[in-house]
């Protein structure tokens, strides 16, 4: 079935950017630090392009941040497509946490950085975005992607935090519940939307990290990251 025909589900491929420069590992960068990718992160962008090579894409949307642009560059070169750059797909603003390591957040602010989704729902990070603000920022961007692509397939290159926001919006769940979903660097998650079904939103693929070369080697050890 051709993806643009009536009855075909709308497919959204959410791709998190690749691994960032080593100096920013386990550091809250958010929207205030426009970091670049590491060598591994660049390889993850290549791996994403290879894995999606046989997937028809009707449109590509992306955060304006450097780490996202570098991740999608191999796919754009492969397809000859021009992405729609959407400013509201940028990573969240971590306010006063920006630039601090996970362990430093505990020392300086007296809270566990691992609870960041709960924290932004319950008062927020000092001078950072709240869950409400984040959801209200991302919702129009997600709705625009859906309006533009009925019965089609679109790729959205962005950030771990923003992917969790879009999942929360699609599943109509509190953002803090998205802590149950791990979103690795360079991962692909696929959601199908079929309005005619009782369960209109279905997760078809979650946090899949394509192998870093054609022999299937590579991969990463799961670890908490927030960039």
N, C-alpha and C. Protein backbone atom coordinates (compact mmCIF):
# COMPACT_ATOMS: atom_id res chain seq x y z
N UNK A 1 0.85 -1.20 0.00
CA UNK A 1 0.00 0.00 0.00
C UNK A 1 0.88 1.25 0.00
N UNK A 2 0.62 2.17 -0.90
CA UNK A 2 1.37 3.42 -0.93
C UNK A 2 1.06 4.25 0.31
N UNK A 3 2.09 4.89 0.83
CA UNK A 3 1.92 5.56 2.12
C UNK A 3 0.96 6.74 2.08
N UNK A 4 0.70 7.30 0.89
CA UNK A 4 -0.16 8.47 0.84
C UNK A 4 -1.63 8.12 0.63
N UNK A 5 -1.96 6.82 0.47
CA UNK A 5 -3.33 6.44 0.19
C UNK A 5 -4.18 6.46 1.45
N UNK A 6 -5.50 6.78 1.32
CA UNK A 6 -6.39 6.75 2.49
C UNK A 6 -6.36 5.37 3.14
N UNK A 7 -6.44 5.34 4.45
CA UNK A 7 -6.41 4.08 5.16
C UNK A 7 -5.04 3.69 5.65
N UNK A 8 -4.01 4.27 5.04
CA UNK A 8 -2.67 4.00 5.52
C UNK A 8 -2.42 4.85 6.77
N UNK A 9 -1.80 4.29 7.80
CA UNK A 9 -1.55 5.09 9.00
C UNK A 9 -0.55 6.20 8.75
N UNK A 10 -0.64 7.24 9.55
CA UNK A 10 0.42 8.24 9.58
C UNK A 10 1.54 7.68 10.45
N UNK A 11 2.75 7.67 9.92
CA UNK A 11 3.91 7.18 10.65
C UNK A 11 4.84 8.33 10.99
N UNK A 12 5.24 8.40 12.24
CA UNK A 12 6.22 9.37 12.68
C UNK A 12 7.46 8.64 13.17
N UNK A 13 8.60 8.96 12.59
CA UNK A 13 9.88 8.39 13.01
C UNK A 13 10.62 9.44 13.83
N UNK A 14 10.73 9.21 15.12
CA UNK A 14 11.43 10.14 16.00
C UNK A 14 12.88 9.69 16.13
N UNK A 15 13.81 10.55 15.76
CA UNK A 15 15.24 10.22 15.81
C UNK A 15 15.94 11.18 16.76
N UNK A 16 16.58 10.61 17.79
CA UNK A 16 17.38 11.44 18.68
C UNK A 16 18.76 11.65 18.06
N UNK A 17 19.31 12.83 18.24
CA UNK A 17 20.65 13.13 17.73
C UNK A 17 21.69 12.16 18.29
N UNK A 18 22.82 12.09 17.63
CA UNK A 18 23.90 11.20 18.06
C UNK A 18 24.62 11.72 19.30
N UNK A 19 25.58 10.91 19.73
CA UNK A 19 26.37 11.25 20.92
C UNK A 19 27.09 12.58 20.72
N UNK A 20 27.11 13.39 21.78
CA UNK A 20 27.72 14.72 21.71
C UNK A 20 29.20 14.65 22.08
N UNK A 21 29.89 15.77 21.91
CA UNK A 21 31.31 15.85 22.25
C UNK A 21 31.55 15.35 23.68
N UNK A 22 32.68 14.70 23.89
CA UNK A 22 32.96 14.08 25.17
C UNK A 22 32.91 15.07 26.33
N UNK A 23 33.32 16.31 26.10
CA UNK A 23 33.33 17.29 27.20
C UNK A 23 31.93 17.60 27.73
N UNK A 24 30.90 17.20 26.97
CA UNK A 24 29.53 17.45 27.41
C UNK A 24 28.82 16.19 27.89
N UNK A 25 29.53 15.07 28.00
CA UNK A 25 28.89 13.85 28.47
C UNK A 25 28.37 14.02 29.90
N UNK A 26 27.14 13.56 30.13
CA UNK A 26 26.49 13.60 31.44
C UNK A 26 26.40 15.02 32.01
N UNK A 27 26.27 15.96 31.10
CA UNK A 27 26.11 17.37 31.47
C UNK A 27 24.78 17.86 30.91
N UNK A 28 24.08 18.68 31.68
CA UNK A 28 22.84 19.27 31.20
C UNK A 28 23.17 20.41 30.23
N UNK A 29 22.93 20.17 28.95
CA UNK A 29 23.19 21.17 27.93
C UNK A 29 21.92 21.88 27.50
N UNK A 30 20.90 21.08 27.24
CA UNK A 30 19.61 21.65 26.86
C UNK A 30 19.70 22.57 25.66
N UNK A 31 18.89 23.62 25.67
CA UNK A 31 18.84 24.54 24.55
C UNK A 31 19.87 25.65 24.65
N UNK A 32 20.56 25.75 25.79
CA UNK A 32 21.49 26.87 25.98
C UNK A 32 22.90 26.56 25.48
N UNK A 33 23.25 25.28 25.29
CA UNK A 33 24.58 24.92 24.80
C UNK A 33 24.41 24.22 23.44
N UNK A 34 24.89 24.88 22.41
CA UNK A 34 24.73 24.33 21.05
C UNK A 34 25.94 23.47 20.70
N UNK A 35 26.03 22.33 21.35
CA UNK A 35 27.19 21.44 21.21
C UNK A 35 27.16 20.67 19.89
N UNK A 36 28.32 20.17 19.51
CA UNK A 36 28.46 19.37 18.29
C UNK A 36 28.54 17.89 18.66
N UNK A 37 28.59 17.03 17.64
CA UNK A 37 28.67 15.59 17.86
C UNK A 37 30.11 15.13 18.04
N UNK A 38 30.26 14.02 18.75
CA UNK A 38 31.54 13.32 18.81
C UNK A 38 31.72 12.50 17.54
N UNK A 39 32.88 11.86 17.39
CA UNK A 39 33.11 10.98 16.24
C UNK A 39 32.08 9.85 16.24
N UNK A 40 31.77 9.33 17.42
CA UNK A 40 30.76 8.28 17.52
C UNK A 40 29.38 8.82 17.11
N UNK A 41 29.08 10.05 17.53
CA UNK A 41 27.81 10.64 17.16
C UNK A 41 27.65 10.79 15.66
N UNK A 42 28.73 11.18 14.98
CA UNK A 42 28.70 11.29 13.52
C UNK A 42 28.45 9.92 12.89
N UNK A 43 29.10 8.88 13.46
CA UNK A 43 28.89 7.51 12.96
C UNK A 43 27.44 7.07 13.19
N UNK A 44 26.83 7.51 14.29
CA UNK A 44 25.44 7.17 14.54
C UNK A 44 24.51 7.81 13.51
N UNK A 45 24.85 9.04 13.08
CA UNK A 45 24.08 9.67 12.01
C UNK A 45 24.15 8.87 10.72
N UNK A 46 25.33 8.35 10.40
CA UNK A 46 25.48 7.50 9.22
C UNK A 46 24.66 6.22 9.37
N UNK A 47 24.67 5.65 10.57
CA UNK A 47 23.93 4.42 10.82
C UNK A 47 22.42 4.63 10.66
N UNK A 48 21.93 5.77 11.14
CA UNK A 48 20.51 6.09 10.98
C UNK A 48 20.15 6.17 9.50
N UNK A 49 21.00 6.84 8.72
CA UNK A 49 20.73 6.97 7.28
C UNK A 49 20.71 5.61 6.60
N UNK A 50 21.65 4.73 6.97
CA UNK A 50 21.66 3.40 6.37
C UNK A 50 20.40 2.61 6.71
N UNK A 51 20.00 2.69 7.99
CA UNK A 51 18.84 1.90 8.42
C UNK A 51 17.55 2.40 7.77
N UNK A 52 17.47 3.70 7.51
CA UNK A 52 16.26 4.28 6.90
C UNK A 52 16.33 4.29 5.38
N UNK A 53 17.37 3.72 4.80
CA UNK A 53 17.58 3.81 3.35
C UNK A 53 16.39 3.29 2.55
N UNK A 54 15.72 2.26 3.04
CA UNK A 54 14.60 1.67 2.30
C UNK A 54 13.24 2.15 2.81
N UNK A 55 13.24 3.13 3.69
CA UNK A 55 12.00 3.66 4.23
C UNK A 55 11.60 4.91 3.46
N UNK A 56 10.41 4.88 2.88
CA UNK A 56 9.92 6.07 2.17
C UNK A 56 9.61 7.17 3.19
N UNK A 57 10.14 8.35 2.97
CA UNK A 57 9.87 9.49 3.83
C UNK A 57 9.25 10.61 3.00
N UNK A 58 8.10 11.08 3.44
CA UNK A 58 7.44 12.18 2.74
C UNK A 58 7.92 13.54 3.20
N UNK A 59 8.44 13.61 4.41
CA UNK A 59 8.89 14.91 4.95
C UNK A 59 9.86 14.67 6.10
N UNK A 60 10.71 15.66 6.33
CA UNK A 60 11.65 15.62 7.44
C UNK A 60 11.55 16.94 8.20
N UNK A 61 11.45 16.83 9.53
CA UNK A 61 11.40 18.00 10.40
C UNK A 61 12.56 17.90 11.38
N UNK A 62 13.05 19.05 11.83
CA UNK A 62 14.23 19.00 12.70
C UNK A 62 14.34 20.20 13.61
N UNK A 63 14.95 19.95 14.76
CA UNK A 63 15.40 21.01 15.66
C UNK A 63 16.50 21.80 14.96
N UNK A 64 16.65 23.08 15.28
CA UNK A 64 17.70 23.89 14.65
C UNK A 64 19.08 23.67 15.24
N UNK A 65 19.23 22.87 16.29
CA UNK A 65 20.49 22.79 17.01
C UNK A 65 21.53 21.98 16.25
N UNK A 66 22.80 22.35 16.43
CA UNK A 66 23.90 21.78 15.65
C UNK A 66 23.95 20.26 15.74
N UNK A 67 23.77 19.70 16.93
CA UNK A 67 23.87 18.25 17.09
C UNK A 67 22.81 17.51 16.30
N UNK A 68 21.67 18.14 16.11
CA UNK A 68 20.60 17.53 15.31
C UNK A 68 20.91 17.66 13.82
N UNK A 69 21.34 18.84 13.40
CA UNK A 69 21.68 19.04 11.99
C UNK A 69 22.77 18.07 11.54
N UNK A 70 23.78 17.85 12.40
CA UNK A 70 24.85 16.93 12.04
C UNK A 70 24.35 15.49 11.96
N UNK A 71 23.42 15.13 12.82
CA UNK A 71 22.88 13.76 12.80
C UNK A 71 22.09 13.48 11.54
N UNK A 72 21.31 14.43 11.08
CA UNK A 72 20.47 14.16 9.90
C UNK A 72 21.20 14.40 8.59
N UNK A 73 22.40 15.00 8.62
CA UNK A 73 23.11 15.34 7.39
C UNK A 73 23.30 14.15 6.45
N UNK A 74 23.71 12.96 6.93
CA UNK A 74 23.88 11.83 6.00
C UNK A 74 22.57 11.43 5.31
N UNK A 75 21.45 11.50 6.03
CA UNK A 75 20.16 11.15 5.41
C UNK A 75 19.77 12.18 4.36
N UNK A 76 20.00 13.46 4.64
CA UNK A 76 19.68 14.50 3.66
C UNK A 76 20.52 14.34 2.40
N UNK A 77 21.79 14.01 2.57
CA UNK A 77 22.67 13.80 1.43
C UNK A 77 22.21 12.61 0.62
N UNK A 78 21.78 11.57 1.30
CA UNK A 78 21.31 10.35 0.64
C UNK A 78 20.03 10.59 -0.15
N UNK A 79 19.11 11.38 0.42
CA UNK A 79 17.78 11.57 -0.18
C UNK A 79 17.67 12.81 -1.05
N UNK A 80 18.52 13.79 -0.82
CA UNK A 80 18.36 15.05 -1.54
C UNK A 80 17.14 15.82 -1.09
N UNK A 81 16.73 15.63 0.17
CA UNK A 81 15.57 16.31 0.71
C UNK A 81 15.98 17.55 1.50
N UNK A 82 15.06 18.48 1.61
CA UNK A 82 15.28 19.68 2.42
C UNK A 82 14.38 19.59 3.65
N UNK A 83 14.95 19.64 4.85
CA UNK A 83 14.12 19.52 6.05
C UNK A 83 13.42 20.83 6.39
N UNK A 84 12.34 20.71 7.12
CA UNK A 84 11.70 21.87 7.72
C UNK A 84 12.31 22.06 9.11
N UNK A 85 13.01 23.17 9.30
CA UNK A 85 13.63 23.45 10.60
C UNK A 85 12.59 24.13 11.49
N UNK A 86 12.32 23.50 12.63
CA UNK A 86 11.25 23.97 13.52
C UNK A 86 11.88 24.40 14.86
N UNK A 87 11.96 25.69 15.12
CA UNK A 87 12.60 26.17 16.36
C UNK A 87 12.03 25.56 17.63
N UNK A 88 10.74 25.27 17.65
CA UNK A 88 10.12 24.74 18.87
C UNK A 88 10.45 23.27 19.11
N UNK A 89 11.22 22.65 18.23
CA UNK A 89 11.71 21.29 18.46
C UNK A 89 13.08 21.29 19.14
N UNK A 90 13.59 22.48 19.49
CA UNK A 90 14.86 22.53 20.22
C UNK A 90 14.71 21.86 21.58
N UNK A 91 15.85 21.45 22.17
CA UNK A 91 15.80 20.81 23.47
C UNK A 91 15.28 21.78 24.53
N UNK A 92 14.83 21.24 25.65
CA UNK A 92 14.28 22.10 26.70
C UNK A 92 15.38 22.95 27.35
N UNK A 93 14.96 23.99 27.98
CA UNK A 93 15.86 24.89 28.70
C UNK A 93 15.97 24.40 30.15
N UNK A 94 17.19 23.98 30.54
CA UNK A 94 17.39 23.47 31.89
C UNK A 94 17.78 24.55 32.89
N UNK A 95 17.63 25.80 32.50
CA UNK A 95 17.82 26.89 33.45
C UNK A 95 19.14 26.82 34.20
N UNK A 96 19.06 26.91 35.53
CA UNK A 96 20.26 26.98 36.36
C UNK A 96 21.05 25.67 36.40
N UNK A 97 20.46 24.59 35.90
CA UNK A 97 21.19 23.32 35.83
C UNK A 97 22.16 23.28 34.65
N UNK A 98 22.00 24.17 33.71
CA UNK A 98 22.80 24.13 32.48
C UNK A 98 24.29 24.16 32.79
N UNK A 99 25.00 23.23 32.19
CA UNK A 99 26.45 23.17 32.34
C UNK A 99 26.92 22.32 33.50
N UNK A 100 25.99 21.86 34.35
CA UNK A 100 26.38 21.04 35.50
C UNK A 100 26.22 19.55 35.19
N UNK A 101 27.09 18.76 35.81
CA UNK A 101 27.00 17.32 35.69
C UNK A 101 25.85 16.79 36.57
N UNK A 102 25.45 15.54 36.32
CA UNK A 102 24.36 14.94 37.08
C UNK A 102 24.66 14.96 38.58
N UNK A 103 25.89 14.56 38.96
CA UNK A 103 26.22 14.52 40.39
C UNK A 103 26.30 15.92 40.99
N UNK A 104 26.68 16.91 40.18
CA UNK A 104 26.78 18.29 40.67
C UNK A 104 25.39 18.87 40.96
N UNK A 105 24.38 18.43 40.20
CA UNK A 105 23.01 18.90 40.46
C UNK A 105 22.58 18.51 41.87
N UNK A 106 22.91 17.28 42.28
CA UNK A 106 22.58 16.82 43.63
C UNK A 106 23.28 17.69 44.68
N UNK A 107 24.54 17.98 44.43
CA UNK A 107 25.33 18.74 45.39
C UNK A 107 24.87 20.19 45.50
N UNK A 108 24.56 20.81 44.36
CA UNK A 108 24.25 22.24 44.34
C UNK A 108 22.78 22.56 44.60
N UNK A 109 21.89 21.66 44.14
CA UNK A 109 20.46 21.98 44.21
C UNK A 109 19.68 21.06 45.15
N UNK A 110 20.36 20.03 45.67
CA UNK A 110 19.72 19.16 46.65
C UNK A 110 18.64 18.26 46.11
N UNK A 111 18.67 17.98 44.81
CA UNK A 111 17.69 17.07 44.19
C UNK A 111 18.43 16.10 43.29
N UNK A 112 17.80 14.98 43.00
CA UNK A 112 18.39 14.00 42.11
C UNK A 112 18.09 14.36 40.66
N UNK A 113 19.13 14.49 39.85
CA UNK A 113 18.93 14.82 38.43
C UNK A 113 18.15 13.74 37.71
N UNK A 114 18.17 12.51 38.23
CA UNK A 114 17.43 11.42 37.60
C UNK A 114 15.92 11.64 37.69
N UNK A 115 15.48 12.54 38.57
CA UNK A 115 14.06 12.84 38.73
C UNK A 115 13.64 14.08 37.95
N UNK A 116 14.40 14.44 36.91
CA UNK A 116 14.17 15.72 36.26
C UNK A 116 12.76 15.86 35.67
N UNK A 117 12.18 14.77 35.18
CA UNK A 117 10.83 14.86 34.62
C UNK A 117 9.80 15.17 35.71
N UNK A 118 9.96 14.57 36.87
CA UNK A 118 9.07 14.89 37.99
C UNK A 118 9.30 16.31 38.48
N UNK A 119 10.56 16.72 38.51
CA UNK A 119 10.90 18.05 39.02
C UNK A 119 10.29 19.16 38.16
N UNK A 120 10.33 18.99 36.84
CA UNK A 120 9.78 20.06 36.00
C UNK A 120 8.25 20.07 36.01
N UNK A 121 7.63 18.97 36.47
CA UNK A 121 6.17 18.98 36.64
C UNK A 121 5.77 19.54 38.00
N UNK A 122 6.67 19.45 38.96
CA UNK A 122 6.34 19.87 40.33
C UNK A 122 7.15 21.10 40.73
N UNK A 123 6.94 22.19 40.03
CA UNK A 123 7.59 23.45 40.39
C UNK A 123 8.66 23.88 39.43
N UNK A 124 9.38 22.92 38.88
CA UNK A 124 10.34 23.25 37.84
C UNK A 124 11.76 23.49 38.33
N UNK A 125 12.67 23.58 37.39
CA UNK A 125 14.08 23.89 37.64
C UNK A 125 14.21 25.41 37.68
N UNK A 126 14.98 25.96 38.61
CA UNK A 126 15.13 27.42 38.66
C UNK A 126 15.53 28.01 37.31
N UNK A 127 14.73 28.96 36.85
CA UNK A 127 14.97 29.68 35.59
C UNK A 127 14.94 28.77 34.36
N UNK A 128 14.36 27.59 34.49
CA UNK A 128 14.23 26.68 33.35
C UNK A 128 12.78 26.53 32.93
N UNK A 129 12.54 25.73 31.91
CA UNK A 129 11.18 25.49 31.44
C UNK A 129 10.45 24.54 32.37
N UNK A 130 9.18 24.81 32.59
CA UNK A 130 8.33 23.87 33.31
C UNK A 130 7.75 22.87 32.32
N UNK A 131 7.18 21.79 32.85
CA UNK A 131 6.54 20.80 31.99
C UNK A 131 5.41 21.43 31.18
N UNK A 132 4.64 22.31 31.84
CA UNK A 132 3.52 22.95 31.15
C UNK A 132 4.01 23.80 29.98
N UNK A 133 5.05 24.58 30.22
CA UNK A 133 5.58 25.42 29.15
C UNK A 133 6.13 24.55 28.02
N UNK A 134 6.84 23.49 28.38
CA UNK A 134 7.43 22.60 27.38
C UNK A 134 6.36 21.94 26.52
N UNK A 135 5.31 21.43 27.16
CA UNK A 135 4.22 20.79 26.42
C UNK A 135 3.52 21.79 25.50
N UNK A 136 3.30 23.01 26.00
CA UNK A 136 2.64 24.03 25.18
C UNK A 136 3.52 24.49 24.03
N UNK A 137 4.84 24.43 24.21
CA UNK A 137 5.75 24.80 23.12
C UNK A 137 5.78 23.75 22.02
N UNK A 138 5.84 22.48 22.42
CA UNK A 138 6.02 21.40 21.45
C UNK A 138 4.71 21.01 20.77
N UNK A 139 3.58 21.17 21.47
CA UNK A 139 2.30 20.71 20.94
C UNK A 139 1.99 21.29 19.55
N UNK A 140 2.12 22.61 19.32
CA UNK A 140 1.81 23.13 17.99
C UNK A 140 2.72 22.55 16.90
N UNK A 141 3.98 22.32 17.23
CA UNK A 141 4.91 21.75 16.25
C UNK A 141 4.48 20.34 15.88
N UNK A 142 4.12 19.53 16.87
CA UNK A 142 3.66 18.17 16.61
C UNK A 142 2.37 18.17 15.80
N UNK A 143 1.43 19.03 16.17
CA UNK A 143 0.17 19.10 15.43
C UNK A 143 0.39 19.52 13.98
N UNK A 144 1.36 20.40 13.74
CA UNK A 144 1.65 20.82 12.37
C UNK A 144 2.19 19.66 11.55
N UNK A 145 3.08 18.85 12.15
CA UNK A 145 3.59 17.67 11.45
C UNK A 145 2.45 16.73 11.09
N UNK A 146 1.53 16.51 12.03
CA UNK A 146 0.40 15.61 11.77
C UNK A 146 -0.54 16.19 10.70
N UNK A 147 -0.81 17.48 10.76
CA UNK A 147 -1.69 18.11 9.77
C UNK A 147 -1.08 18.05 8.37
N UNK A 148 0.23 18.21 8.29
CA UNK A 148 0.90 18.23 6.99
C UNK A 148 1.06 16.85 6.38
N UNK A 149 0.90 15.79 7.19
CA UNK A 149 1.26 14.46 6.70
C UNK A 149 0.20 13.38 6.97
N UNK A 150 -1.05 13.63 6.64
CA UNK A 150 -2.05 12.58 6.85
C UNK A 150 -1.75 11.39 5.95
N UNK A 151 -1.77 10.19 6.54
CA UNK A 151 -1.52 8.96 5.78
C UNK A 151 -0.14 8.93 5.13
N UNK A 152 0.80 9.66 5.72
CA UNK A 152 2.16 9.70 5.16
C UNK A 152 3.16 9.37 6.25
N UNK A 153 4.44 9.38 5.88
CA UNK A 153 5.51 9.08 6.82
C UNK A 153 6.44 10.27 6.93
N UNK A 154 6.67 10.71 8.16
CA UNK A 154 7.55 11.86 8.41
C UNK A 154 8.60 11.49 9.44
N UNK A 155 9.82 11.98 9.25
CA UNK A 155 10.89 11.81 10.23
C UNK A 155 11.05 13.11 11.00
N UNK A 156 11.25 12.98 12.31
CA UNK A 156 11.46 14.14 13.17
C UNK A 156 12.78 13.94 13.91
N UNK A 157 13.78 14.74 13.56
CA UNK A 157 15.09 14.69 14.21
C UNK A 157 15.11 15.72 15.33
N UNK A 158 15.35 15.26 16.56
CA UNK A 158 15.35 16.22 17.66
C UNK A 158 16.11 15.68 18.86
N UNK A 159 15.55 15.79 20.05
CA UNK A 159 16.27 15.53 21.30
C UNK A 159 15.50 14.56 22.17
N UNK A 160 16.22 13.94 23.12
CA UNK A 160 15.58 12.97 23.99
C UNK A 160 14.42 13.55 24.77
N UNK A 161 14.60 14.75 25.31
CA UNK A 161 13.52 15.38 26.05
C UNK A 161 12.31 15.67 25.18
N UNK A 162 12.55 16.14 23.96
CA UNK A 162 11.45 16.50 23.07
C UNK A 162 10.72 15.26 22.57
N UNK A 163 11.44 14.18 22.34
CA UNK A 163 10.77 12.92 21.95
C UNK A 163 9.84 12.47 23.07
N UNK A 164 10.29 12.58 24.31
CA UNK A 164 9.43 12.21 25.43
C UNK A 164 8.19 13.10 25.51
N UNK A 165 8.36 14.39 25.22
CA UNK A 165 7.20 15.29 25.22
C UNK A 165 6.21 14.87 24.15
N UNK A 166 6.68 14.58 22.94
CA UNK A 166 5.78 14.19 21.86
C UNK A 166 5.07 12.87 22.18
N UNK A 167 5.78 11.93 22.79
CA UNK A 167 5.14 10.68 23.19
C UNK A 167 4.06 10.94 24.24
N UNK A 168 4.35 11.80 25.21
CA UNK A 168 3.36 12.13 26.23
C UNK A 168 2.12 12.75 25.61
N UNK A 169 2.31 13.64 24.65
CA UNK A 169 1.18 14.28 23.97
C UNK A 169 0.37 13.26 23.18
N UNK A 170 1.05 12.40 22.44
CA UNK A 170 0.35 11.42 21.60
C UNK A 170 -0.39 10.37 22.44
N UNK A 171 0.23 9.96 23.54
CA UNK A 171 -0.36 8.93 24.39
C UNK A 171 -1.28 9.50 25.46
N UNK A 172 -1.36 10.84 25.54
CA UNK A 172 -2.19 11.52 26.54
C UNK A 172 -1.82 11.05 27.94
N UNK A 173 -0.51 11.12 28.23
CA UNK A 173 0.01 10.70 29.52
C UNK A 173 0.81 11.82 30.16
N UNK A 174 0.91 11.84 31.48
CA UNK A 174 1.75 12.87 32.14
C UNK A 174 3.20 12.74 31.68
N UNK A 175 3.86 13.86 31.55
CA UNK A 175 5.23 13.84 31.07
C UNK A 175 6.14 13.02 31.98
N UNK A 176 5.92 13.08 33.28
CA UNK A 176 6.80 12.34 34.19
C UNK A 176 6.74 10.84 33.98
N UNK A 177 5.65 10.33 33.39
CA UNK A 177 5.56 8.90 33.10
C UNK A 177 6.51 8.49 31.98
N UNK A 178 7.00 9.47 31.23
CA UNK A 178 7.91 9.16 30.13
C UNK A 178 9.29 8.76 30.62
N UNK A 179 9.51 8.84 31.93
CA UNK A 179 10.76 8.35 32.50
C UNK A 179 10.91 6.85 32.29
N UNK A 180 9.80 6.17 31.99
CA UNK A 180 9.84 4.73 31.73
C UNK A 180 10.41 4.41 30.35
N UNK A 181 10.55 5.42 29.50
CA UNK A 181 11.06 5.22 28.14
C UNK A 181 12.50 5.71 28.05
N UNK A 182 13.39 4.82 27.70
CA UNK A 182 14.79 5.23 27.49
C UNK A 182 14.95 5.67 26.04
N UNK A 183 15.59 6.80 25.83
CA UNK A 183 15.81 7.33 24.48
C UNK A 183 17.31 7.55 24.32
N UNK A 184 18.00 6.61 23.68
CA UNK A 184 19.44 6.67 23.55
C UNK A 184 19.88 7.63 22.44
N UNK A 185 21.15 8.04 22.52
CA UNK A 185 21.74 8.78 21.40
C UNK A 185 21.60 7.95 20.11
N UNK A 186 21.22 8.62 19.02
CA UNK A 186 21.16 7.96 17.72
C UNK A 186 20.06 6.93 17.59
N UNK A 187 19.05 6.98 18.47
CA UNK A 187 17.99 5.97 18.43
C UNK A 187 16.82 6.41 17.56
N UNK A 188 16.07 5.40 17.10
CA UNK A 188 14.88 5.62 16.28
C UNK A 188 13.68 5.02 17.00
N UNK A 189 12.62 5.79 17.10
CA UNK A 189 11.34 5.31 17.64
C UNK A 189 10.26 5.63 16.62
N UNK A 190 9.37 4.67 16.38
CA UNK A 190 8.34 4.84 15.35
C UNK A 190 6.96 4.73 15.98
N UNK A 191 6.12 5.72 15.69
CA UNK A 191 4.75 5.74 16.18
C UNK A 191 3.80 5.78 14.99
N UNK A 192 2.74 4.98 15.05
CA UNK A 192 1.71 5.01 14.01
C UNK A 192 0.43 5.60 14.59
N UNK A 193 -0.22 6.45 13.78
CA UNK A 193 -1.48 7.06 14.18
C UNK A 193 -2.55 6.61 13.20
N UNK A 194 -3.56 5.90 13.72
CA UNK A 194 -4.68 5.42 12.91
C UNK A 194 -5.97 5.85 13.59
N UNK A 195 -6.50 7.01 13.22
CA UNK A 195 -7.66 7.58 13.92
C UNK A 195 -8.87 6.67 13.98
N UNK A 196 -9.00 5.76 13.01
CA UNK A 196 -10.18 4.90 12.97
C UNK A 196 -10.15 3.76 13.97
N UNK A 197 -9.03 3.54 14.64
CA UNK A 197 -8.90 2.43 15.57
C UNK A 197 -9.18 2.87 17.01
N UNK A 198 -9.58 1.92 17.84
CA UNK A 198 -9.83 2.24 19.25
C UNK A 198 -8.57 2.78 19.89
N UNK A 199 -7.45 2.10 19.67
CA UNK A 199 -6.16 2.58 20.16
C UNK A 199 -5.46 3.26 18.98
N UNK A 200 -5.74 4.55 18.83
CA UNK A 200 -5.34 5.26 17.62
C UNK A 200 -3.84 5.45 17.50
N UNK A 201 -3.14 5.45 18.62
CA UNK A 201 -1.70 5.67 18.62
C UNK A 201 -1.01 4.38 19.08
N UNK A 202 -0.14 3.86 18.23
CA UNK A 202 0.58 2.63 18.56
C UNK A 202 2.08 2.85 18.38
N UNK A 203 2.85 2.40 19.36
CA UNK A 203 4.31 2.44 19.26
C UNK A 203 4.78 1.20 18.53
N UNK A 204 5.35 1.38 17.36
CA UNK A 204 5.80 0.26 16.53
C UNK A 204 7.26 -0.10 16.80
N UNK A 205 8.05 0.87 17.20
CA UNK A 205 9.48 0.66 17.46
C UNK A 205 9.90 1.65 18.52
N UNK A 206 10.74 1.19 19.47
CA UNK A 206 11.10 2.08 20.56
C UNK A 206 12.59 1.99 20.84
N UNK A 207 13.28 3.14 20.75
CA UNK A 207 14.67 3.25 21.18
C UNK A 207 15.58 2.25 20.47
N UNK A 208 15.38 2.08 19.17
CA UNK A 208 16.24 1.18 18.40
C UNK A 208 17.48 1.94 17.93
N UNK A 209 18.66 1.41 18.25
CA UNK A 209 19.91 2.03 17.84
C UNK A 209 20.51 1.21 16.70
N UNK A 210 20.49 1.72 15.47
CA UNK A 210 21.05 0.96 14.35
C UNK A 210 22.53 0.66 14.57
N UNK A 211 23.00 -0.49 14.09
CA UNK A 211 24.43 -0.82 14.23
C UNK A 211 25.29 0.21 13.52
N UNK A 212 26.50 0.40 14.03
CA UNK A 212 27.35 1.46 13.52
C UNK A 212 28.09 1.12 12.25
N UNK A 213 27.98 -0.12 11.77
CA UNK A 213 28.54 -0.44 10.47
C UNK A 213 27.75 -1.59 9.87
N UNK A 214 28.02 -1.90 8.61
CA UNK A 214 27.23 -2.88 7.88
C UNK A 214 27.38 -4.28 8.41
N UNK A 215 28.44 -4.55 9.24
CA UNK A 215 28.62 -5.87 9.83
C UNK A 215 27.83 -6.03 11.12
N UNK A 216 27.19 -4.93 11.56
CA UNK A 216 26.36 -5.02 12.75
C UNK A 216 27.12 -4.84 14.04
N UNK A 217 28.38 -4.39 13.97
CA UNK A 217 29.13 -4.14 15.20
C UNK A 217 28.79 -2.77 15.73
N UNK A 218 29.32 -2.48 16.88
CA UNK A 218 29.03 -1.19 17.48
C UNK A 218 27.93 -1.33 18.51
N UNK A 219 27.23 -0.24 18.74
CA UNK A 219 26.21 -0.24 19.79
C UNK A 219 26.74 0.45 21.02
N UNK A 220 25.88 0.64 21.98
CA UNK A 220 26.29 1.37 23.18
C UNK A 220 25.68 0.75 24.41
N UNK A 221 26.32 0.97 25.51
CA UNK A 221 25.79 0.54 26.79
C UNK A 221 24.79 1.58 27.27
N UNK A 222 23.60 1.14 27.66
CA UNK A 222 22.57 2.08 28.10
C UNK A 222 23.05 2.84 29.33
N UNK A 223 22.90 4.16 29.27
CA UNK A 223 23.28 4.98 30.42
C UNK A 223 22.49 6.26 30.38
N UNK A 224 22.22 6.85 31.54
CA UNK A 224 21.44 8.08 31.55
C UNK A 224 22.22 9.20 30.86
N UNK A 225 21.56 9.93 29.97
CA UNK A 225 22.20 11.06 29.29
C UNK A 225 21.20 12.18 29.18
N UNK A 226 21.67 13.38 29.16
CA UNK A 226 20.75 14.52 29.02
C UNK A 226 21.49 15.65 28.33
N UNK A 227 21.36 15.68 27.01
CA UNK A 227 21.99 16.73 26.24
C UNK A 227 21.00 17.33 25.28
